[in-house]
Amino acid sequence: AAFGAKITLVHGETGGRRIALSDIDGFYQFEALPVGIYRMSVQLQGFKTHVGEKVVVEVGRTSVLDIELRIGDISEQVIVTADSPLVDLSSVAVGQIIN
């Protein structure tokens, strides 16, 4: 039985979709995501749907995005536009794309 939130990432250019469920403590993880800008939605029964616009995924970087869900109907949305970069708490690695 799933007891966590449903987290959906949609790649802005390709439309590729990834879905994960958080664990009982609210932790979630996506591995090996293609670089780009994503739209993220977080849904959990009894809470408003959280939508994050412009979630940036970069090369060689582990990023942490903490979400705070607000009590309400799941059909209601809280939209957040992320203009600042995500916090990287696990690495000081630098990466680059080579064509």
N, C-alpha and C. Protein backbone atom coordinates (compact mmCIF):
# COMPACT_ATOMS: atom_id res chain seq x y z
N ALA A 1 0.85 -1.19 0.00
CA ALA A 1 0.00 0.00 0.00
C ALA A 1 0.89 1.24 0.00
N ALA A 2 0.53 2.21 -0.82
CA ALA A 2 1.28 3.46 -0.90
C ALA A 2 0.77 4.41 0.18
N PHE A 3 1.66 4.95 0.98
CA PHE A 3 1.25 5.86 2.04
C PHE A 3 1.85 7.23 1.85
N GLY A 4 2.60 7.42 0.78
CA GLY A 4 3.27 8.70 0.56
C GLY A 4 2.62 9.52 -0.53
N ALA A 5 3.25 10.65 -0.79
CA ALA A 5 2.79 11.55 -1.83
C ALA A 5 3.25 11.05 -3.20
N LYS A 6 2.48 11.36 -4.23
CA LYS A 6 2.83 11.04 -5.61
C LYS A 6 3.54 12.25 -6.19
N ILE A 7 4.79 12.06 -6.61
CA ILE A 7 5.59 13.14 -7.19
C ILE A 7 5.77 12.86 -8.67
N THR A 8 5.39 13.81 -9.50
CA THR A 8 5.49 13.66 -10.95
C THR A 8 6.39 14.74 -11.51
N LEU A 9 7.39 14.34 -12.31
CA LEU A 9 8.26 15.28 -13.02
C LEU A 9 8.00 15.16 -14.51
N VAL A 10 7.81 16.30 -15.19
CA VAL A 10 7.62 16.31 -16.64
C VAL A 10 8.68 17.22 -17.25
N HIS A 11 9.49 16.65 -18.16
CA HIS A 11 10.56 17.40 -18.83
C HIS A 11 9.92 18.44 -19.75
N GLY A 12 10.34 19.69 -19.64
CA GLY A 12 9.75 20.79 -20.39
C GLY A 12 9.89 20.69 -21.90
N GLU A 13 10.98 20.11 -22.39
CA GLU A 13 11.20 20.03 -23.84
C GLU A 13 10.68 18.74 -24.44
N THR A 14 10.92 17.62 -23.78
CA THR A 14 10.57 16.32 -24.36
C THR A 14 9.21 15.81 -23.91
N GLY A 15 8.70 16.32 -22.79
CA GLY A 15 7.45 15.81 -22.26
C GLY A 15 7.61 14.49 -21.52
N GLY A 16 8.87 14.00 -21.41
CA GLY A 16 9.12 12.76 -20.68
C GLY A 16 8.65 12.88 -19.25
N ARG A 17 8.02 11.82 -18.75
CA ARG A 17 7.39 11.86 -17.43
C ARG A 17 8.00 10.80 -16.53
N ARG A 18 8.30 11.17 -15.29
CA ARG A 18 8.78 10.23 -14.26
C ARG A 18 7.89 10.40 -13.05
N ILE A 19 7.56 9.29 -12.38
CA ILE A 19 6.70 9.31 -11.20
C ILE A 19 7.40 8.56 -10.07
N ALA A 20 7.30 9.10 -8.85
CA ALA A 20 7.83 8.44 -7.66
C ALA A 20 6.83 8.63 -6.53
N LEU A 21 6.92 7.76 -5.54
CA LEU A 21 6.12 7.90 -4.32
C LEU A 21 7.07 8.17 -3.17
N SER A 22 6.68 9.10 -2.31
CA SER A 22 7.51 9.35 -1.14
C SER A 22 7.28 8.23 -0.12
N ASP A 23 8.27 8.05 0.76
CA ASP A 23 8.09 7.04 1.80
C ASP A 23 7.29 7.65 2.96
N ILE A 24 7.12 6.90 4.01
CA ILE A 24 6.30 7.35 5.14
C ILE A 24 6.86 8.62 5.79
N ASP A 25 8.17 8.85 5.65
CA ASP A 25 8.80 10.05 6.21
C ASP A 25 8.81 11.22 5.23
N GLY A 26 8.29 11.01 4.01
CA GLY A 26 8.23 12.08 3.03
C GLY A 26 9.43 12.17 2.11
N PHE A 27 10.35 11.21 2.19
CA PHE A 27 11.53 11.24 1.33
C PHE A 27 11.21 10.63 -0.03
N TYR A 28 11.81 11.19 -1.07
CA TYR A 28 11.64 10.69 -2.44
C TYR A 28 12.94 10.88 -3.19
N GLN A 29 13.08 10.15 -4.31
CA GLN A 29 14.32 10.26 -5.08
C GLN A 29 14.04 9.91 -6.54
N PHE A 30 14.65 10.68 -7.43
CA PHE A 30 14.67 10.38 -8.86
C PHE A 30 16.13 10.20 -9.24
N GLU A 31 16.45 9.12 -9.95
CA GLU A 31 17.83 8.87 -10.36
C GLU A 31 17.96 8.99 -11.87
N ALA A 32 19.14 9.41 -12.30
CA ALA A 32 19.51 9.46 -13.73
C ALA A 32 18.50 10.24 -14.57
N LEU A 33 18.14 11.42 -14.10
CA LEU A 33 17.24 12.27 -14.88
C LEU A 33 18.00 12.97 -15.99
N PRO A 34 17.42 13.07 -17.18
CA PRO A 34 18.04 13.89 -18.22
C PRO A 34 18.08 15.35 -17.78
N VAL A 35 19.12 16.07 -18.16
CA VAL A 35 19.21 17.49 -17.82
C VAL A 35 18.07 18.25 -18.45
N GLY A 36 17.73 19.38 -17.86
CA GLY A 36 16.68 20.21 -18.41
C GLY A 36 15.85 20.87 -17.33
N ILE A 37 14.78 21.48 -17.78
CA ILE A 37 13.85 22.16 -16.88
C ILE A 37 12.58 21.33 -16.81
N TYR A 38 12.12 21.08 -15.59
CA TYR A 38 10.98 20.21 -15.35
C TYR A 38 9.83 20.96 -14.68
N ARG A 39 8.65 20.39 -14.82
CA ARG A 39 7.48 20.81 -14.05
C ARG A 39 7.22 19.69 -13.07
N MET A 40 7.12 20.03 -11.80
CA MET A 40 6.96 19.03 -10.75
C MET A 40 5.62 19.21 -10.06
N SER A 41 4.88 18.11 -9.90
CA SER A 41 3.65 18.18 -9.12
C SER A 41 3.71 17.15 -8.01
N VAL A 42 3.17 17.53 -6.85
CA VAL A 42 3.15 16.66 -5.68
C VAL A 42 1.70 16.57 -5.21
N GLN A 43 1.19 15.33 -5.14
CA GLN A 43 -0.20 15.12 -4.75
C GLN A 43 -0.29 14.15 -3.58
N LEU A 44 -1.16 14.47 -2.62
CA LEU A 44 -1.44 13.61 -1.50
C LEU A 44 -2.86 13.91 -1.04
N GLN A 45 -3.65 12.88 -0.87
CA GLN A 45 -5.05 13.05 -0.46
C GLN A 45 -5.13 13.88 0.83
N GLY A 46 -6.02 14.88 0.82
CA GLY A 46 -6.19 15.75 1.98
C GLY A 46 -5.35 17.02 1.93
N PHE A 47 -4.53 17.15 0.86
CA PHE A 47 -3.67 18.32 0.71
C PHE A 47 -3.84 18.93 -0.67
N LYS A 48 -3.57 20.24 -0.78
CA LYS A 48 -3.57 20.91 -2.08
C LYS A 48 -2.41 20.37 -2.91
N THR A 49 -2.62 20.26 -4.21
CA THR A 49 -1.56 19.83 -5.11
C THR A 49 -0.51 20.92 -5.21
N HIS A 50 0.75 20.56 -5.01
CA HIS A 50 1.87 21.49 -5.12
C HIS A 50 2.43 21.38 -6.54
N VAL A 51 2.59 22.51 -7.22
CA VAL A 51 3.16 22.51 -8.56
C VAL A 51 4.38 23.42 -8.56
N GLY A 52 5.52 22.86 -8.95
CA GLY A 52 6.76 23.63 -9.05
C GLY A 52 7.11 23.82 -10.52
N GLU A 53 7.20 25.04 -10.95
CA GLU A 53 7.58 25.37 -12.32
C GLU A 53 9.08 25.63 -12.36
N LYS A 54 9.71 25.35 -13.47
CA LYS A 54 11.12 25.65 -13.69
C LYS A 54 12.05 24.96 -12.70
N VAL A 55 11.83 23.67 -12.46
CA VAL A 55 12.73 22.89 -11.62
C VAL A 55 13.90 22.46 -12.50
N VAL A 56 15.11 22.93 -12.20
CA VAL A 56 16.28 22.73 -13.06
C VAL A 56 17.07 21.50 -12.61
N VAL A 57 17.38 20.62 -13.58
CA VAL A 57 18.24 19.46 -13.34
C VAL A 57 19.51 19.68 -14.15
N GLU A 58 20.68 19.61 -13.46
CA GLU A 58 21.96 19.88 -14.11
C GLU A 58 22.85 18.64 -14.10
N VAL A 59 23.87 18.66 -14.91
CA VAL A 59 24.82 17.54 -15.03
C VAL A 59 25.62 17.38 -13.75
N GLY A 60 25.79 16.12 -13.30
CA GLY A 60 26.66 15.81 -12.18
C GLY A 60 26.26 16.43 -10.87
N ARG A 61 24.99 16.64 -10.66
CA ARG A 61 24.54 17.36 -9.48
C ARG A 61 23.40 16.63 -8.79
N THR A 62 23.50 16.46 -7.50
CA THR A 62 22.39 15.94 -6.70
C THR A 62 21.73 17.14 -6.04
N SER A 63 20.46 17.35 -6.28
CA SER A 63 19.76 18.51 -5.75
C SER A 63 18.68 18.09 -4.79
N VAL A 64 18.40 18.94 -3.82
CA VAL A 64 17.37 18.68 -2.83
C VAL A 64 16.28 19.73 -2.99
N LEU A 65 15.04 19.26 -3.11
CA LEU A 65 13.90 20.17 -3.21
C LEU A 65 12.90 19.77 -2.14
N ASP A 66 12.81 20.57 -1.08
CA ASP A 66 11.86 20.31 0.00
C ASP A 66 10.52 20.92 -0.34
N ILE A 67 9.47 20.15 -0.14
CA ILE A 67 8.11 20.59 -0.47
C ILE A 67 7.29 20.65 0.82
N GLU A 68 6.52 21.70 0.97
CA GLU A 68 5.60 21.82 2.09
C GLU A 68 4.18 21.80 1.54
N LEU A 69 3.43 20.74 1.86
CA LEU A 69 2.06 20.62 1.39
C LEU A 69 1.12 21.36 2.33
N ARG A 70 0.09 21.98 1.76
CA ARG A 70 -0.89 22.72 2.55
C ARG A 70 -2.20 21.94 2.58
N ILE A 71 -2.84 21.93 3.72
CA ILE A 71 -4.11 21.22 3.87
C ILE A 71 -5.14 21.83 2.94
N GLY A 72 -5.89 20.97 2.26
CA GLY A 72 -6.93 21.43 1.35
C GLY A 72 -7.35 20.30 0.43
N ASP A 73 -8.16 20.61 -0.55
CA ASP A 73 -8.62 19.63 -1.52
C ASP A 73 -7.54 19.38 -2.55
N ILE A 74 -7.36 18.13 -2.94
CA ILE A 74 -6.31 17.75 -3.89
C ILE A 74 -6.49 18.46 -5.24
N SER A 75 -7.71 18.91 -5.55
CA SER A 75 -7.95 19.61 -6.83
C SER A 75 -7.46 21.06 -6.79
N GLU A 76 -7.21 21.61 -5.58
CA GLU A 76 -6.64 22.95 -5.46
C GLU A 76 -5.15 22.88 -5.71
N GLN A 77 -4.56 23.94 -6.28
CA GLN A 77 -3.14 23.94 -6.58
C GLN A 77 -2.43 25.11 -5.92
N VAL A 78 -1.22 24.84 -5.47
CA VAL A 78 -0.30 25.88 -5.02
C VAL A 78 0.83 25.85 -6.04
N ILE A 79 1.02 26.94 -6.79
CA ILE A 79 2.02 26.98 -7.86
C ILE A 79 3.21 27.80 -7.39
N VAL A 80 4.41 27.21 -7.51
CA VAL A 80 5.65 27.85 -7.11
C VAL A 80 6.55 27.94 -8.33
N THR A 81 7.07 29.13 -8.61
CA THR A 81 8.02 29.30 -9.70
C THR A 81 9.40 29.41 -9.10
N ALA A 82 10.28 28.48 -9.46
CA ALA A 82 11.64 28.43 -8.90
C ALA A 82 12.61 29.13 -9.83
N ASP A 83 12.93 30.38 -9.51
CA ASP A 83 13.90 31.12 -10.32
C ASP A 83 15.32 30.96 -9.78
N SER A 84 15.44 30.53 -8.53
CA SER A 84 16.76 30.32 -7.96
C SER A 84 17.12 28.85 -8.07
N PRO A 85 18.42 28.53 -8.12
CA PRO A 85 18.83 27.13 -8.26
C PRO A 85 18.49 26.33 -7.02
N LEU A 86 18.33 25.01 -7.21
CA LEU A 86 18.09 24.11 -6.09
C LEU A 86 19.34 24.00 -5.25
N VAL A 87 19.19 23.65 -4.01
CA VAL A 87 20.31 23.51 -3.10
C VAL A 87 20.94 22.14 -3.28
N ASP A 88 22.24 22.10 -3.44
CA ASP A 88 22.98 20.85 -3.56
C ASP A 88 23.67 20.60 -2.23
N LEU A 89 23.12 19.69 -1.44
CA LEU A 89 23.64 19.44 -0.10
C LEU A 89 24.61 18.27 -0.05
N SER A 90 24.82 17.57 -1.18
CA SER A 90 25.58 16.34 -1.09
C SER A 90 26.89 16.35 -1.87
N SER A 91 27.15 17.37 -2.66
CA SER A 91 28.31 17.29 -3.54
C SER A 91 28.86 18.66 -3.89
N VAL A 92 30.14 18.68 -4.20
CA VAL A 92 30.75 19.89 -4.73
C VAL A 92 31.25 19.62 -6.14
N ALA A 93 30.73 18.58 -6.77
CA ALA A 93 31.17 18.18 -8.11
C ALA A 93 30.77 19.21 -9.16
N VAL A 94 31.59 19.31 -10.19
CA VAL A 94 31.31 20.18 -11.32
C VAL A 94 31.18 19.30 -12.55
N GLY A 95 30.18 19.55 -13.37
CA GLY A 95 29.99 18.76 -14.60
C GLY A 95 29.83 19.66 -15.78
N GLN A 96 29.90 19.07 -16.95
CA GLN A 96 29.69 19.84 -18.17
C GLN A 96 29.16 18.91 -19.25
N ILE A 97 28.53 19.51 -20.25
CA ILE A 97 28.01 18.76 -21.38
C ILE A 97 29.00 18.89 -22.52
N ILE A 98 29.36 17.78 -23.15
CA ILE A 98 30.26 17.80 -24.28
C ILE A 98 29.52 17.27 -25.50
N ASN A 99 29.49 18.07 -26.55
CA ASN A 99 28.82 17.64 -27.78
C ASN A 99 29.77 16.88 -28.67
